Amino acid sequence: MIFHHIPSTNGRNFCINTTHIIETEFLKRGIQYGDILKARGHRPVSPVYEGSTNYIIFREPVLRTISHWCHLMPYNPPTKEAIFKHLVENPDHYLVNYQTKFVCYDKEIIRVSDSYEGFEADIDLAKERLSKVSYVFDMENLNYGKFRSILYDHFDLTPTFEWKDYNPIGTNTLVKEIYGQLTSSEKSELEGLLKYDMELYYTTKYSEI
């Protein structure tokens, strides 16, 4: 079971409420499962390992880009003006069309702060690779409980007790505040800049759980 974790898509909370719980179930049973759950780090979609079940989460591109920028603080001011100005003036910045690039990236592990030399946004390659992913989720419609059930069935486990969803990381309101400050024309300009991510996000057929 492999999680292809795109940064700034709620992946840590998703793991804490799903795969980490399954790991706990294994440990409670004294089962030595080795490297059966590859859910930590930022693992690209290439390669898709033979016989693996894999999943990925996408997020509305403008919101995700702002969130990723804020994660890089204090190196860049987390303001609307700073984000908008830098991206528009630097259309080749690695944050531009990041989700598409992530799917196309060929190394084993991605660091959030990597600048990705030779990291290209190939929309056709991204779509082809996504077609091999078992579950593709939209961050706006994540259901921890249903995916936990999928994992329990996948590993043939019975829950030892009822797990409750929780958010240990907390809620960051800054991203939505900055997004809300964008004018219609600014949003339109950023959407044009993030055209591959926008296409990927809005044409992907998401898994229903």
Protein backbone atom coordinates (compact mmCIF):
# COMPACT_ATOMS: atom_id res chain seq x y z
CA MET A 1 0.00 0.00 0.00
CA ILE A 2 1.80 3.11 -1.23
CA PHE A 3 0.82 6.74 -0.62
CA HIS A 4 2.06 9.18 -3.26
CA HIS A 5 1.99 12.20 -0.97
CA ILE A 6 1.83 15.57 -2.74
CA PRO A 7 2.82 18.29 -0.22
CA SER A 8 0.06 20.59 1.06
CA THR A 9 -2.81 18.19 0.34
CA ASN A 10 -3.64 17.22 3.95
CA GLY A 11 -1.52 14.10 3.58
CA ARG A 12 -0.17 14.06 7.15
CA ASN A 13 -3.62 14.21 8.71
CA PHE A 14 -4.85 11.59 6.25
CA CYS A 15 -2.00 9.23 7.19
CA ILE A 16 -2.47 9.79 10.92
CA ASN A 17 -6.15 8.87 10.61
CA THR A 18 -5.66 5.92 8.25
CA THR A 19 -2.33 4.15 7.65
CA HIS A 20 -0.86 4.96 11.08
CA ILE A 21 -3.90 3.32 12.65
CA ILE A 22 -3.37 0.17 10.59
CA GLU A 23 0.28 0.13 11.66
CA THR A 24 -0.91 0.32 15.28
CA GLU A 25 -3.24 -2.62 14.66
CA PHE A 26 -0.29 -4.66 13.38
CA LEU A 27 1.81 -3.73 16.39
CA LYS A 28 -0.98 -4.61 18.81
CA ARG A 29 -1.07 -8.07 17.26
CA GLY A 30 2.71 -8.47 17.40
CA ILE A 31 2.87 -8.79 13.61
CA GLN A 32 6.21 -8.00 11.96
CA TYR A 33 4.97 -6.35 8.78
CA GLY A 34 8.27 -4.88 7.54
CA ASP A 35 7.85 -2.13 4.93
CA ILE A 36 4.29 -2.99 3.99
CA LEU A 37 2.94 0.55 4.38
CA LYS A 38 4.88 3.17 2.42
CA ALA A 39 2.96 6.17 3.74
CA ARG A 40 5.67 8.54 4.95
CA GLY A 41 7.61 11.09 2.93
CA HIS A 42 6.71 12.42 -0.51
CA ARG A 43 6.87 9.44 -2.84
CA PRO A 44 6.26 10.17 -6.55
CA VAL A 45 4.04 8.11 -8.84
CA SER A 46 7.02 6.60 -10.67
CA PRO A 47 7.61 3.80 -10.29
CA VAL A 48 4.23 2.23 -9.57
CA TYR A 49 5.40 -1.00 -7.98
CA GLU A 50 4.14 -4.26 -9.45
CA GLY A 51 1.27 -5.67 -7.42
CA SER A 52 0.94 -2.56 -5.22
CA THR A 53 -2.21 -0.72 -4.21
CA ASN A 54 -1.54 3.00 -4.30
CA TYR A 55 -3.32 6.28 -3.68
CA ILE A 56 -2.85 10.03 -4.09
CA ILE A 57 -4.64 13.22 -3.01
CA PHE A 58 -5.12 16.31 -5.20
CA ARG A 59 -6.09 19.81 -4.09
CA GLU A 60 -7.52 22.85 -5.86
CA PRO A 61 -4.31 24.24 -7.45
CA VAL A 62 -4.40 27.88 -6.34
CA LEU A 63 -5.13 26.93 -2.72
CA ARG A 64 -2.45 24.23 -2.77
CA THR A 65 0.15 26.61 -4.21
CA ILE A 66 -0.56 29.22 -1.53
CA SER A 67 -0.39 26.53 1.17
CA HIS A 68 2.95 25.25 -0.11
CA TRP A 69 4.32 28.79 -0.22
CA CYS A 70 3.26 29.36 3.41
CA HIS A 71 5.01 26.12 4.36
CA LEU A 72 8.29 27.57 3.07
CA MET A 73 8.23 30.45 5.61
CA PRO A 74 10.13 32.43 6.80
CA TYR A 75 12.13 32.49 3.58
CA ASN A 76 9.27 34.09 1.64
CA PRO A 77 6.67 36.45 3.14
CA PRO A 78 3.29 34.66 3.38
CA THR A 79 1.26 37.53 1.94
CA LYS A 80 -0.99 37.74 -1.09
CA GLU A 81 1.17 40.41 -2.65
CA ALA A 82 4.41 38.44 -2.24
CA ILE A 83 2.96 35.18 -3.54
CA PHE A 84 1.14 36.67 -6.51
CA LYS A 85 4.03 38.92 -7.58
CA HIS A 86 6.66 36.19 -7.36
CA LEU A 87 4.67 33.54 -9.23
CA VAL A 88 3.57 35.88 -12.01
CA GLU A 89 7.12 37.20 -12.45
CA ASN A 90 8.64 33.70 -12.25
CA PRO A 91 6.40 31.38 -14.31
CA ASP A 92 9.13 28.71 -14.28
CA HIS A 93 9.22 28.55 -10.47
CA TYR A 94 8.96 24.95 -9.25
CA LEU A 95 5.69 25.66 -7.40
CA VAL A 96 3.98 26.44 -10.72
CA ASN A 97 2.03 23.33 -11.87
CA TYR A 98 3.60 21.45 -8.96
CA GLN A 99 0.99 18.66 -8.80
CA THR A 100 1.50 17.81 -12.46
CA LYS A 101 5.29 17.90 -12.01
CA PHE A 102 5.04 15.69 -8.92
CA VAL A 103 3.25 12.97 -10.87
CA CYS A 104 5.89 13.22 -13.63
CA TYR A 105 8.91 13.20 -11.30
CA ASP A 106 11.08 10.08 -11.51
CA LYS A 107 13.08 10.00 -8.28
CA GLU A 108 12.17 7.75 -5.35
CA ILE A 109 11.61 10.47 -2.73
CA ILE A 110 10.76 14.17 -3.01
CA ARG A 111 11.67 16.71 -0.34
CA VAL A 112 9.18 19.55 0.11
CA SER A 113 11.90 22.16 -0.43
CA ASP A 114 13.48 20.50 -3.49
CA SER A 115 13.93 22.83 -6.45
CA TYR A 116 13.75 19.91 -8.94
CA GLU A 117 16.32 20.34 -11.66
CA GLY A 118 14.83 19.24 -14.97
CA PHE A 119 11.43 18.79 -13.35
CA GLU A 120 8.86 19.08 -16.18
CA ALA A 121 5.06 19.37 -16.20
CA ASP A 122 4.02 16.87 -18.88
CA ILE A 123 0.22 16.76 -18.71
CA ASP A 124 -0.07 13.68 -20.96
CA LEU A 125 2.47 11.72 -18.91
CA ALA A 126 0.73 12.80 -15.70
CA LYS A 127 -2.63 11.55 -16.95
CA GLU A 128 -1.12 8.27 -18.13
CA ARG A 129 0.53 7.65 -14.75
CA LEU A 130 -2.61 8.59 -12.85
CA SER A 131 -4.51 5.93 -14.79
CA LYS A 132 -2.40 3.34 -12.93
CA VAL A 133 -3.15 4.70 -9.45
CA SER A 134 -5.68 2.66 -7.48
CA TYR A 135 -7.32 5.54 -5.59
CA VAL A 136 -7.27 9.24 -6.55
CA PHE A 137 -8.85 11.51 -3.93
CA ASP A 138 -9.94 15.15 -3.93
CA MET A 139 -8.80 16.82 -0.70
CA GLU A 140 -12.21 18.52 -0.41
CA ASN A 141 -13.94 15.12 -0.11
CA LEU A 142 -11.67 13.01 2.07
CA ASN A 143 -13.38 10.44 4.28
CA TYR A 144 -10.96 8.97 6.80
CA GLY A 145 -13.41 6.40 8.14
CA LYS A 146 -14.24 4.89 4.76
CA PHE A 147 -10.59 4.66 3.75
CA ARG A 148 -9.76 3.03 7.10
CA SER A 149 -12.35 0.39 6.20
CA ILE A 150 -10.64 -0.14 2.85
CA LEU A 151 -7.29 -0.61 4.62
CA TYR A 152 -8.76 -3.03 7.17
CA ASP A 153 -10.18 -5.11 4.30
CA HIS A 154 -6.94 -4.83 2.31
CA PHE A 155 -4.88 -6.25 5.16
CA ASP A 156 -7.61 -8.64 6.33
CA LEU A 157 -7.84 -7.08 9.79
CA THR A 158 -10.73 -6.60 12.21
CA PRO A 159 -10.71 -3.33 14.19
CA THR A 160 -9.82 -3.81 17.84
CA PHE A 161 -11.91 -0.77 18.79
CA GLU A 162 -13.59 2.26 17.21
CA TRP A 163 -11.09 4.90 16.06
CA LYS A 164 -12.15 8.55 15.99
CA ASP A 165 -10.88 11.14 13.52
CA TYR A 166 -8.65 13.82 14.96
CA ASN A 167 -6.52 16.71 13.71
CA PRO A 168 -3.23 16.88 15.64
CA ILE A 169 -1.70 19.35 13.19
CA GLY A 170 -4.40 21.97 13.66
CA THR A 171 -6.14 24.20 11.15
CA ASN A 172 -4.21 26.88 9.28
CA THR A 173 -6.59 29.72 8.38
CA LEU A 174 -3.87 31.81 6.69
CA VAL A 175 -4.15 29.97 3.37
CA LYS A 176 -7.88 30.64 2.98
CA GLU A 177 -7.41 34.22 4.17
CA ILE A 178 -4.82 34.86 1.44
CA TYR A 179 -6.98 33.07 -1.16
CA GLY A 180 -9.95 35.23 -0.14
CA GLN A 181 -7.89 38.38 -0.70
CA LEU A 182 -7.28 37.56 -4.36
CA THR A 183 -9.35 39.57 -6.82
CA SER A 184 -11.21 37.80 -9.62
CA SER A 185 -8.59 38.91 -12.15
CA GLU A 186 -5.73 37.75 -9.89
CA LYS A 187 -7.36 34.33 -9.44
CA SER A 188 -7.86 34.10 -13.19
CA GLU A 189 -4.21 34.98 -13.83
CA LEU A 190 -2.99 32.36 -11.35
CA GLU A 191 -5.32 29.74 -12.80
CA GLY A 192 -3.85 30.48 -16.23
CA LEU A 193 -0.35 30.16 -14.83
CA LEU A 194 -1.29 26.84 -13.21
CA LYS A 195 -3.02 25.61 -16.37
CA TYR A 196 -1.70 22.03 -16.24
CA ASP A 197 -2.62 21.61 -12.59
CA MET A 198 -6.04 23.11 -13.26
CA GLU A 199 -6.62 20.68 -16.14
CA LEU A 200 -5.42 17.71 -14.10
CA TYR A 201 -7.51 18.69 -11.09
CA TYR A 202 -10.74 19.25 -13.00
CA THR A 203 -10.50 16.35 -15.49
CA THR A 204 -9.41 13.65 -13.04
CA LYS A 205 -12.02 11.02 -12.16
CA TYR A 206 -11.86 10.83 -8.39
CA SER A 207 -12.41 7.68 -6.36
CA GLU A 208 -15.57 7.64 -4.28
CA ILE A 209 -15.26 6.42 -0.72
